[in-house]
Amino acid sequence: MDNKTLDSSHSSGLTLAHHVRQCLDDYFAHLDGHEPANLYELVLNEVEKPLIEIVLKQAHFNQSRAAEILGISRSTLRKKIALFGIG
């Protein structure tokens, strides 16, 4: 990856937000009458771990580079790695 900044769209022209909306629409469509609960926490928990795993892989497991890509401090990244049991 070079130093160019990319927006949230990729080659298909669809944004990350589009994919999130689609997943949430599917989630609500499959509730079968059940009430959703703690959706905010659910979404964060479902997204944060794979986000960190994928960025670490893209950064060749260089935590400083991964933290830079994520826009968080290295110490925050290390805490999240421990929290999610990544590694």
C-alpha atoms as a PDB file:
ATOM      1  CA  MET A   1       0.000   0.000   0.000  1.00  0.00           C
ATOM      2  CA  ASP A   2       1.384   3.408  -0.855  1.00  0.00           C
ATOM      3  CA  ASN A   3       0.874   6.658   1.018  1.00  0.00           C
ATOM      4  CA  LYS A   4      -2.181   7.715  -0.976  1.00  0.00           C
ATOM      5  CA  THR A   5      -5.279   8.238   1.131  1.00  0.00           C
ATOM      6  CA  LEU A   6      -8.303   6.295  -0.033  1.00  0.00           C
ATOM      7  CA  ASP A   7     -11.929   7.021   0.664  1.00  0.00           C
ATOM      8  CA  SER A   8     -14.302   4.314   1.835  1.00  0.00           C
ATOM      9  CA  SER A   9     -15.213   3.147  -1.669  1.00  0.00           C
ATOM     10  CA  HIS A  10     -13.429   0.469  -3.639  1.00  0.00           C
ATOM     11  CA  SER A  11     -13.355  -0.660  -7.254  1.00  0.00           C
ATOM     12  CA  SER A  12     -17.068  -1.493  -7.334  1.00  0.00           C
ATOM     13  CA  GLY A  13     -17.879   2.066  -6.295  1.00  0.00           C
ATOM     14  CA  LEU A  14     -19.758   0.836  -3.228  1.00  0.00           C
ATOM     15  CA  THR A  15     -18.842   2.397   0.089  1.00  0.00           C
ATOM     16  CA  LEU A  16     -18.170   0.668   3.353  1.00  0.00           C
ATOM     17  CA  ALA A  17     -21.306   2.393   4.667  1.00  0.00           C
ATOM     18  CA  HIS A  18     -23.315   0.727   1.875  1.00  0.00           C
ATOM     19  CA  HIS A  19     -22.107  -2.701   2.974  1.00  0.00           C
ATOM     20  CA  VAL A  20     -22.853  -1.935   6.632  1.00  0.00           C
ATOM     21  CA  ARG A  21     -26.374  -0.804   5.714  1.00  0.00           C
ATOM     22  CA  GLN A  22     -26.897  -3.972   3.695  1.00  0.00           C
ATOM     23  CA  CYS A  23     -25.738  -6.175   6.584  1.00  0.00           C
ATOM     24  CA  LEU A  24     -27.956  -4.318   9.058  1.00  0.00           C
ATOM     25  CA  ASP A  25     -30.953  -4.574   6.721  1.00  0.00           C
ATOM     26  CA  ASP A  26     -30.320  -8.334   6.528  1.00  0.00           C
ATOM     27  CA  TYR A  27     -29.975  -8.525  10.318  1.00  0.00           C
ATOM     28  CA  PHE A  28     -33.346  -6.824  10.848  1.00  0.00           C
ATOM     29  CA  ALA A  29     -34.980  -8.912   8.121  1.00  0.00           C
ATOM     30  CA  HIS A  30     -33.985 -12.126   9.906  1.00  0.00           C
ATOM     31  CA  LEU A  31     -35.074 -11.236  13.445  1.00  0.00           C
ATOM     32  CA  ASP A  32     -38.282 -13.264  13.016  1.00  0.00           C
ATOM     33  CA  GLY A  33     -40.230 -11.015  15.366  1.00  0.00           C
ATOM     34  CA  HIS A  34     -37.546 -10.838  18.038  1.00  0.00           C
ATOM     35  CA  GLU A  35     -36.622  -7.435  19.404  1.00  0.00           C
ATOM     36  CA  PRO A  36     -33.046  -6.308  18.762  1.00  0.00           C
ATOM     37  CA  ALA A  37     -31.062  -5.445  21.877  1.00  0.00           C
ATOM     38  CA  ASN A  38     -27.711  -3.744  22.423  1.00  0.00           C
ATOM     39  CA  LEU A  39     -27.302  -3.291  18.675  1.00  0.00           C
ATOM     40  CA  TYR A  40     -24.618  -0.617  18.999  1.00  0.00           C
ATOM     41  CA  GLU A  41     -22.437  -2.876  21.144  1.00  0.00           C
ATOM     42  CA  LEU A  42     -23.163  -5.862  18.886  1.00  0.00           C
ATOM     43  CA  VAL A  43     -22.033  -3.990  15.770  1.00  0.00           C
ATOM     44  CA  LEU A  44     -18.863  -2.695  17.420  1.00  0.00           C
ATOM     45  CA  ASN A  45     -17.978  -6.150  18.720  1.00  0.00           C
ATOM     46  CA  GLU A  46     -18.624  -7.759  15.332  1.00  0.00           C
ATOM     47  CA  VAL A  47     -16.551  -5.179  13.428  1.00  0.00           C
ATOM     48  CA  GLU A  48     -13.652  -4.215  15.679  1.00  0.00           C
ATOM     49  CA  LYS A  49     -11.896  -7.592  16.009  1.00  0.00           C
ATOM     50  CA  PRO A  50     -11.857  -8.443  12.276  1.00  0.00           C
ATOM     51  CA  LEU A  51     -10.862  -4.849  11.494  1.00  0.00           C
ATOM     52  CA  ILE A  52      -7.813  -5.144  13.731  1.00  0.00           C
ATOM     53  CA  GLU A  53      -6.964  -8.625  12.428  1.00  0.00           C
ATOM     54  CA  ILE A  54      -7.143  -7.530   8.793  1.00  0.00           C
ATOM     55  CA  VAL A  55      -5.144  -4.346   9.341  1.00  0.00           C
ATOM     56  CA  LEU A  56      -2.471  -6.263  11.257  1.00  0.00           C
ATOM     57  CA  LYS A  57      -2.215  -8.710   8.368  1.00  0.00           C
ATOM     58  CA  GLN A  58      -1.980  -5.863   5.834  1.00  0.00           C
ATOM     59  CA  ALA A  59       0.737  -4.270   7.976  1.00  0.00           C
ATOM     60  CA  HIS A  60       2.616  -7.600   8.115  1.00  0.00           C
ATOM     61  CA  PHE A  61       1.907  -7.689  11.870  1.00  0.00           C
ATOM     62  CA  ASN A  62       3.883  -4.489  12.443  1.00  0.00           C
ATOM     63  CA  GLN A  63       1.915  -2.971  15.313  1.00  0.00           C
ATOM     64  CA  SER A  64       3.263   0.542  14.809  1.00  0.00           C
ATOM     65  CA  ARG A  65       2.197   0.514  11.159  1.00  0.00           C
ATOM     66  CA  ALA A  66      -1.182  -1.057  11.977  1.00  0.00           C
ATOM     67  CA  ALA A  67      -1.848   1.591  14.632  1.00  0.00           C
ATOM     68  CA  GLU A  68      -0.958   4.285  12.118  1.00  0.00           C
ATOM     69  CA  ILE A  69      -3.342   2.809   9.525  1.00  0.00           C
ATOM     70  CA  LEU A  70      -6.116   2.594  12.134  1.00  0.00           C
ATOM     71  CA  GLY A  71      -5.452   6.095  13.435  1.00  0.00           C
ATOM     72  CA  ILE A  72      -4.996   4.935  17.024  1.00  0.00           C
ATOM     73  CA  SER A  73      -2.014   4.824  19.344  1.00  0.00           C
ATOM     74  CA  ARG A  74       0.138   1.723  19.503  1.00  0.00           C
ATOM     75  CA  SER A  75      -0.741   1.276  23.179  1.00  0.00           C
ATOM     76  CA  THR A  76      -4.461   1.339  22.329  1.00  0.00           C
ATOM     77  CA  LEU A  77      -3.859  -1.219  19.605  1.00  0.00           C
ATOM     78  CA  ARG A  78      -1.941  -3.459  22.014  1.00  0.00           C
ATOM     79  CA  LYS A  79      -4.810  -3.260  24.531  1.00  0.00           C
ATOM     80  CA  LYS A  80      -7.310  -4.243  21.845  1.00  0.00           C
ATOM     81  CA  ILE A  81      -5.089  -7.112  20.658  1.00  0.00           C
ATOM     82  CA  ALA A  82      -5.047  -8.428  24.236  1.00  0.00           C
ATOM     83  CA  LEU A  83      -8.780  -7.798  24.723  1.00  0.00           C
ATOM     84  CA  PHE A  84      -9.718  -9.755  21.603  1.00  0.00           C
ATOM     85  CA  GLY A  85      -7.064 -12.447  22.066  1.00  0.00           C
ATOM     86  CA  ILE A  86      -5.496 -11.698  18.699  1.00  0.00           C
ATOM     87  CA  GLY A  87      -2.134 -13.160  17.967  1.00  0.00           C
END
